[in-house]
Amino acid sequence: MSALRWIYLGLAVWGAIHPMWWFVRHWRENGVSLSGLVDSWFVTSGSTGLVWDLTIAAIALTVFVLAETWVRRNWIALLAIPATFCIGVSCGLPLYLFLRTRPVA
Protein backbone atom coordinates (compact mmCIF):
# COMPACT_ATOMS: atom_id res chain seq x y z
CA MET A 1 0.00 0.00 0.00
CA SER A 2 1.35 3.42 -0.94
CA ALA A 3 2.25 6.09 1.58
CA LEU A 4 -0.56 8.28 0.27
CA ARG A 5 -3.14 5.57 0.95
CA TRP A 6 -1.79 5.18 4.50
CA ILE A 7 -2.20 8.94 4.99
CA TYR A 8 -5.80 8.82 3.74
CA LEU A 9 -6.55 5.87 6.03
CA GLY A 10 -4.97 7.61 9.01
CA LEU A 11 -6.98 10.77 8.34
CA ALA A 12 -10.19 8.74 8.04
CA VAL A 13 -9.55 7.05 11.40
CA TRP A 14 -8.63 10.37 13.01
CA GLY A 15 -11.71 11.96 11.41
CA ALA A 16 -13.85 9.26 12.98
CA ILE A 17 -12.33 9.24 16.47
CA HIS A 18 -11.63 12.90 17.20
CA PRO A 19 -15.10 14.33 16.48
CA MET A 20 -16.72 11.38 18.28
CA TRP A 21 -14.68 12.21 21.39
CA TRP A 22 -16.30 15.67 21.43
CA PHE A 23 -19.78 14.28 20.81
CA VAL A 24 -19.37 11.79 23.69
CA ARG A 25 -18.10 14.61 25.92
CA HIS A 26 -21.17 16.68 25.03
CA TRP A 27 -23.48 13.75 25.83
CA ARG A 28 -21.78 13.17 29.18
CA GLU A 29 -22.26 16.81 30.12
CA ASN A 30 -25.80 17.27 28.73
CA GLY A 31 -27.31 13.79 28.47
CA VAL A 32 -27.62 11.59 25.41
CA SER A 33 -30.01 13.42 23.15
CA LEU A 34 -29.61 13.83 19.41
CA SER A 35 -31.99 16.78 19.41
CA GLY A 36 -29.97 18.40 22.21
CA LEU A 37 -26.78 17.93 20.20
CA VAL A 38 -28.34 19.45 17.09
CA ASP A 39 -29.75 22.36 19.11
CA SER A 40 -26.27 23.10 20.45
CA TRP A 41 -24.94 23.37 16.90
CA PHE A 42 -27.12 26.44 16.33
CA VAL A 43 -26.32 28.37 19.53
CA THR A 44 -24.09 31.00 17.91
CA SER A 45 -23.91 32.43 14.43
CA GLY A 46 -20.38 31.03 14.10
CA SER A 47 -21.44 27.49 14.89
CA THR A 48 -24.49 27.85 12.64
CA GLY A 49 -22.22 28.93 9.77
CA LEU A 50 -19.96 25.96 10.42
CA VAL A 51 -22.91 23.55 10.43
CA TRP A 52 -24.09 24.88 7.06
CA ASP A 53 -20.55 24.81 5.68
CA LEU A 54 -20.17 21.14 6.63
CA THR A 55 -23.67 20.26 5.43
CA ILE A 56 -23.00 21.74 1.98
CA ALA A 57 -19.61 19.99 1.88
CA ALA A 58 -21.27 16.68 2.81
CA ILE A 59 -23.84 17.07 0.04
CA ALA A 60 -21.15 17.99 -2.50
CA LEU A 61 -19.05 15.00 -1.44
CA THR A 62 -22.09 12.72 -1.77
CA VAL A 63 -22.81 13.94 -5.31
CA PHE A 64 -19.14 13.47 -6.22
CA VAL A 65 -19.00 9.96 -4.72
CA LEU A 66 -22.16 8.92 -6.55
CA ALA A 67 -20.94 10.33 -9.88
CA GLU A 68 -17.48 8.79 -9.56
CA THR A 69 -18.85 5.44 -8.40
CA TRP A 70 -21.20 5.31 -11.37
CA VAL A 71 -18.33 5.93 -13.79
CA ARG A 72 -15.63 3.83 -12.09
CA ARG A 73 -17.90 1.03 -10.83
CA ASN A 74 -15.99 1.11 -7.54
CA TRP A 75 -19.00 0.16 -5.44
CA ILE A 76 -17.09 -0.15 -2.16
CA ALA A 77 -16.49 3.61 -2.32
CA LEU A 78 -20.18 4.10 -1.50
CA LEU A 79 -19.23 3.39 2.13
CA ALA A 80 -18.02 6.99 2.26
CA ILE A 81 -21.62 8.26 2.12
CA PRO A 82 -22.86 6.77 5.43
CA ALA A 83 -19.48 7.60 6.98
CA THR A 84 -19.99 11.23 5.94
CA PHE A 85 -23.51 11.56 7.34
CA CYS A 86 -23.10 9.35 10.44
CA ILE A 87 -19.64 10.55 11.47
CA GLY A 88 -18.73 13.60 9.41
CA VAL A 89 -16.93 14.97 6.40
CA SER A 90 -13.68 14.61 8.36
CA CYS A 91 -14.09 10.84 8.07
CA GLY A 92 -16.06 10.49 4.84
CA LEU A 93 -13.72 12.44 2.56
CA PRO A 94 -10.44 10.71 3.49
CA LEU A 95 -12.24 7.35 3.54
CA TYR A 96 -13.47 7.97 0.00
CA LEU A 97 -9.97 8.99 -1.13
CA PHE A 98 -8.56 5.85 0.49
CA LEU A 99 -11.12 3.64 -1.24
CA ARG A 100 -10.78 5.46 -4.57
CA THR A 101 -7.01 5.05 -4.74
CA ARG A 102 -7.01 1.30 -4.21
CA PRO A 103 -5.48 -0.72 -7.01
CA VAL A 104 -8.06 -2.10 -9.42
CA ALA A 105 -7.81 -5.49 -11.09
C-alpha atoms as a PDB file:
ATOM      1  CA  MET A   1       0.000   0.000   0.000  1.00  0.00           C
ATOM      2  CA  SER A   2       1.345   3.418  -0.943  1.00  0.00           C
ATOM      3  CA  ALA A   3       2.246   6.088   1.583  1.00  0.00           C
ATOM      4  CA  LEU A   4      -0.561   8.283   0.269  1.00  0.00           C
ATOM      5  CA  ARG A   5      -3.143   5.570   0.946  1.00  0.00           C
ATOM      6  CA  TRP A   6      -1.788   5.178   4.497  1.00  0.00           C
ATOM      7  CA  ILE A   7      -2.197   8.937   4.990  1.00  0.00           C
ATOM      8  CA  TYR A   8      -5.800   8.816   3.739  1.00  0.00           C
ATOM      9  CA  LEU A   9      -6.546   5.872   6.026  1.00  0.00           C
ATOM     10  CA  GLY A  10      -4.968   7.614   9.005  1.00  0.00           C
ATOM     11  CA  LEU A  11      -6.976  10.766   8.339  1.00  0.00           C
ATOM     12  CA  ALA A  12     -10.190   8.738   8.039  1.00  0.00           C
ATOM     13  CA  VAL A  13      -9.547   7.053  11.396  1.00  0.00           C
ATOM     14  CA  TRP A  14      -8.626  10.370  13.010  1.00  0.00           C
ATOM     15  CA  GLY A  15     -11.710  11.961  11.413  1.00  0.00           C
ATOM     16  CA  ALA A  16     -13.853   9.256  12.981  1.00  0.00           C
ATOM     17  CA  ILE A  17     -12.333   9.236  16.474  1.00  0.00           C
ATOM     18  CA  HIS A  18     -11.630  12.902  17.201  1.00  0.00           C
ATOM     19  CA  PRO A  19     -15.105  14.329  16.476  1.00  0.00           C
ATOM     20  CA  MET A  20     -16.720  11.379  18.276  1.00  0.00           C
ATOM     21  CA  TRP A  21     -14.685  12.214  21.386  1.00  0.00           C
ATOM     22  CA  TRP A  22     -16.295  15.669  21.435  1.00  0.00           C
ATOM     23  CA  PHE A  23     -19.780  14.277  20.815  1.00  0.00           C
ATOM     24  CA  VAL A  24     -19.373  11.794  23.685  1.00  0.00           C
ATOM     25  CA  ARG A  25     -18.096  14.609  25.919  1.00  0.00           C
ATOM     26  CA  HIS A  26     -21.169  16.678  25.035  1.00  0.00           C
ATOM     27  CA  TRP A  27     -23.483  13.747  25.826  1.00  0.00           C
ATOM     28  CA  ARG A  28     -21.779  13.170  29.181  1.00  0.00           C
ATOM     29  CA  GLU A  29     -22.261  16.812  30.118  1.00  0.00           C
ATOM     30  CA  ASN A  30     -25.798  17.269  28.733  1.00  0.00           C
ATOM     31  CA  GLY A  31     -27.306  13.794  28.469  1.00  0.00           C
ATOM     32  CA  VAL A  32     -27.622  11.587  25.408  1.00  0.00           C
ATOM     33  CA  SER A  33     -30.009  13.423  23.147  1.00  0.00           C
ATOM     34  CA  LEU A  34     -29.607  13.831  19.408  1.00  0.00           C
ATOM     35  CA  SER A  35     -31.989  16.784  19.406  1.00  0.00           C
ATOM     36  CA  GLY A  36     -29.967  18.404  22.205  1.00  0.00           C
ATOM     37  CA  LEU A  37     -26.781  17.934  20.202  1.00  0.00           C
ATOM     38  CA  VAL A  38     -28.343  19.448  17.090  1.00  0.00           C
ATOM     39  CA  ASP A  39     -29.746  22.358  19.114  1.00  0.00           C
ATOM     40  CA  SER A  40     -26.272  23.097  20.446  1.00  0.00           C
ATOM     41  CA  TRP A  41     -24.939  23.373  16.898  1.00  0.00           C
ATOM     42  CA  PHE A  42     -27.120  26.438  16.330  1.00  0.00           C
ATOM     43  CA  VAL A  43     -26.316  28.370  19.527  1.00  0.00           C
ATOM     44  CA  THR A  44     -24.092  31.004  17.910  1.00  0.00           C
ATOM     45  CA  SER A  45     -23.906  32.432  14.426  1.00  0.00           C
ATOM     46  CA  GLY A  46     -20.376  31.033  14.103  1.00  0.00           C
ATOM     47  CA  SER A  47     -21.443  27.487  14.895  1.00  0.00           C
ATOM     48  CA  THR A  48     -24.493  27.847  12.636  1.00  0.00           C
ATOM     49  CA  GLY A  49     -22.225  28.928   9.770  1.00  0.00           C
ATOM     50  CA  LEU A  50     -19.957  25.958  10.425  1.00  0.00           C
ATOM     51  CA  VAL A  51     -22.914  23.551  10.426  1.00  0.00           C
ATOM     52  CA  TRP A  52     -24.094  24.880   7.061  1.00  0.00           C
ATOM     53  CA  ASP A  53     -20.548  24.813   5.684  1.00  0.00           C
ATOM     54  CA  LEU A  54     -20.166  21.140   6.626  1.00  0.00           C
ATOM     55  CA  THR A  55     -23.669  20.264   5.426  1.00  0.00           C
ATOM     56  CA  ILE A  56     -22.998  21.741   1.985  1.00  0.00           C
ATOM     57  CA  ALA A  57     -19.606  19.992   1.884  1.00  0.00           C
ATOM     58  CA  ALA A  58     -21.266  16.677   2.806  1.00  0.00           C
ATOM     59  CA  ILE A  59     -23.842  17.068   0.043  1.00  0.00           C
ATOM     60  CA  ALA A  60     -21.146  17.990  -2.503  1.00  0.00           C
ATOM     61  CA  LEU A  61     -19.049  14.999  -1.440  1.00  0.00           C
ATOM     62  CA  THR A  62     -22.087  12.717  -1.773  1.00  0.00           C
ATOM     63  CA  VAL A  63     -22.813  13.945  -5.306  1.00  0.00           C
ATOM     64  CA  PHE A  64     -19.143  13.471  -6.225  1.00  0.00           C
ATOM     65  CA  VAL A  65     -18.997   9.960  -4.716  1.00  0.00           C
ATOM     66  CA  LEU A  66     -22.157   8.921  -6.552  1.00  0.00           C
ATOM     67  CA  ALA A  67     -20.938  10.329  -9.876  1.00  0.00           C
ATOM     68  CA  GLU A  68     -17.477   8.789  -9.556  1.00  0.00           C
ATOM     69  CA  THR A  69     -18.852   5.442  -8.398  1.00  0.00           C
ATOM     70  CA  TRP A  70     -21.203   5.312 -11.365  1.00  0.00           C
ATOM     71  CA  VAL A  71     -18.326   5.931 -13.794  1.00  0.00           C
ATOM     72  CA  ARG A  72     -15.627   3.832 -12.094  1.00  0.00           C
ATOM     73  CA  ARG A  73     -17.905   1.026 -10.830  1.00  0.00           C
ATOM     74  CA  ASN A  74     -15.992   1.110  -7.541  1.00  0.00           C
ATOM     75  CA  TRP A  75     -19.005   0.156  -5.435  1.00  0.00           C
ATOM     76  CA  ILE A  76     -17.087  -0.150  -2.161  1.00  0.00           C
ATOM     77  CA  ALA A  77     -16.490   3.606  -2.324  1.00  0.00           C
ATOM     78  CA  LEU A  78     -20.177   4.100  -1.505  1.00  0.00           C
ATOM     79  CA  LEU A  79     -19.228   3.386   2.127  1.00  0.00           C
ATOM     80  CA  ALA A  80     -18.023   6.987   2.264  1.00  0.00           C
ATOM     81  CA  ILE A  81     -21.618   8.262   2.122  1.00  0.00           C
ATOM     82  CA  PRO A  82     -22.861   6.774   5.428  1.00  0.00           C
ATOM     83  CA  ALA A  83     -19.482   7.604   6.981  1.00  0.00           C
ATOM     84  CA  THR A  84     -19.986  11.226   5.943  1.00  0.00           C
ATOM     85  CA  PHE A  85     -23.511  11.559   7.337  1.00  0.00           C
ATOM     86  CA  CYS A  86     -23.103   9.349  10.439  1.00  0.00           C
ATOM     87  CA  ILE A  87     -19.641  10.552  11.471  1.00  0.00           C
ATOM     88  CA  GLY A  88     -18.732  13.602   9.408  1.00  0.00           C
ATOM     89  CA  VAL A  89     -16.926  14.972   6.396  1.00  0.00           C
ATOM     90  CA  SER A  90     -13.681  14.611   8.360  1.00  0.00           C
ATOM     91  CA  CYS A  91     -14.091  10.837   8.073  1.00  0.00           C
ATOM     92  CA  GLY A  92     -16.059  10.492   4.841  1.00  0.00           C
ATOM     93  CA  LEU A  93     -13.716  12.439   2.555  1.00  0.00           C
ATOM     94  CA  PRO A  94     -10.439  10.714   3.495  1.00  0.00           C
ATOM     95  CA  LEU A  95     -12.240   7.352   3.542  1.00  0.00           C
ATOM     96  CA  TYR A  96     -13.467   7.967   0.004  1.00  0.00           C
ATOM     97  CA  LEU A  97      -9.968   8.985  -1.134  1.00  0.00           C
ATOM     98  CA  PHE A  98      -8.562   5.848   0.486  1.00  0.00           C
ATOM     99  CA  LEU A  99     -11.119   3.638  -1.245  1.00  0.00           C
ATOM    100  CA  ARG A 100     -10.782   5.456  -4.568  1.00  0.00           C
ATOM    101  CA  THR A 101      -7.009   5.053  -4.736  1.00  0.00           C
ATOM    102  CA  ARG A 102      -7.008   1.301  -4.214  1.00  0.00           C
ATOM    103  CA  PRO A 103      -5.478  -0.725  -7.010  1.00  0.00           C
ATOM    104  CA  VAL A 104      -8.056  -2.099  -9.418  1.00  0.00           C
ATOM    105  CA  ALA A 105      -7.809  -5.488 -11.087  1.00  0.00           C
END
